[in-house]
Amino acid sequence: MIPLTLGALSALIVFVQSQRAIPLIDYGYQIENAYRMYLGEMPYRDFFLALTPGTYAISAAIMHISQNLLLFY
């Protein structure tokens, strides 16, 4: 139940962020960058970000808490 709750929370965060402006990027791109941060890569050093790092850090933190990557892929 906890992984589903965390997945829903992550989806809600992505949805709220996409409502601020017209989403010009794919949601898979957002999850991929969050996963890269989860693996320890650094934004702007290892990869480029279209949004601020906090957007991806929240999803990466949820991945870290859940430890269930199949939920995201």
Protein backbone atom coordinates (compact mmCIF):
# COMPACT_ATOMS: atom_id res chain seq x y z
CA MET A 1 0.00 0.00 0.00
CA ILE A 2 2.85 2.38 0.79
CA PRO A 3 4.45 2.09 -2.70
CA LEU A 4 1.11 2.90 -4.32
CA THR A 5 0.67 5.91 -2.05
CA LEU A 6 4.19 7.14 -2.81
CA GLY A 7 3.65 6.59 -6.53
CA ALA A 8 0.41 8.56 -6.40
CA LEU A 9 2.17 11.35 -4.50
CA SER A 10 4.91 11.49 -7.12
CA ALA A 11 2.35 11.56 -9.93
CA LEU A 12 0.49 14.36 -8.17
CA ILE A 13 3.69 16.41 -7.86
CA VAL A 14 4.45 15.97 -11.57
CA PHE A 15 0.84 16.88 -12.43
CA VAL A 16 0.91 20.05 -10.29
CA GLN A 17 4.24 21.10 -11.80
CA SER A 18 2.88 20.60 -15.32
CA GLN A 19 -0.12 22.83 -14.58
CA ARG A 20 2.09 25.88 -14.04
CA ALA A 21 2.86 26.14 -17.74
CA ILE A 22 2.35 24.23 -20.94
CA PRO A 23 4.31 21.00 -20.47
CA LEU A 24 6.94 20.89 -23.16
CA ILE A 25 8.69 17.78 -21.92
CA ASP A 26 7.74 14.14 -21.60
CA TYR A 27 6.92 12.78 -18.14
CA GLY A 28 9.34 9.93 -18.78
CA TYR A 29 12.07 12.56 -19.04
CA GLN A 30 11.15 13.84 -15.59
CA ILE A 31 11.17 10.37 -14.05
CA GLU A 32 14.46 9.52 -15.80
CA ASN A 33 16.16 12.59 -14.35
CA ALA A 34 14.73 11.85 -10.89
CA TYR A 35 16.08 8.30 -11.22
CA ARG A 36 19.51 9.65 -12.19
CA MET A 37 19.49 11.83 -9.07
CA TYR A 38 18.41 8.78 -7.06
CA LEU A 39 21.51 6.99 -8.40
CA GLY A 40 23.71 9.86 -7.20
CA GLU A 41 24.30 11.84 -10.38
CA MET A 42 24.37 15.63 -10.04
CA PRO A 43 22.17 17.97 -12.09
CA TYR A 44 23.99 20.38 -14.43
CA ARG A 45 27.21 18.43 -13.93
CA ASP A 46 26.12 15.02 -15.20
CA PHE A 47 22.95 15.95 -17.11
CA PHE A 48 20.87 18.96 -18.17
CA LEU A 49 17.57 19.84 -16.50
CA ALA A 50 14.59 21.62 -18.03
CA LEU A 51 13.07 22.44 -14.62
CA THR A 52 14.56 23.33 -11.26
CA PRO A 53 16.29 20.48 -9.42
CA GLY A 54 13.72 20.49 -6.61
CA THR A 55 11.11 19.03 -8.94
CA TYR A 56 13.29 15.99 -9.56
CA ALA A 57 14.65 15.82 -6.00
CA ILE A 58 11.17 15.22 -4.60
CA SER A 59 10.59 12.29 -6.96
CA ALA A 60 14.10 10.97 -6.23
CA ALA A 61 13.36 11.14 -2.49
CA ILE A 62 10.15 9.19 -3.03
CA MET A 63 12.13 6.58 -4.97
CA HIS A 64 14.62 6.39 -2.12
CA ILE A 65 11.88 5.97 0.47
CA SER A 66 9.98 3.33 -1.48
CA GLN A 67 13.04 1.40 -2.77
CA ASN A 68 10.70 -0.06 -5.41
CA LEU A 69 11.89 1.10 -8.80
CA LEU A 70 9.37 -1.06 -10.64
CA LEU A 71 6.81 1.43 -9.43
CA PHE A 72 8.48 4.09 -11.59
CA TYR A 73 9.41 1.98 -14.64
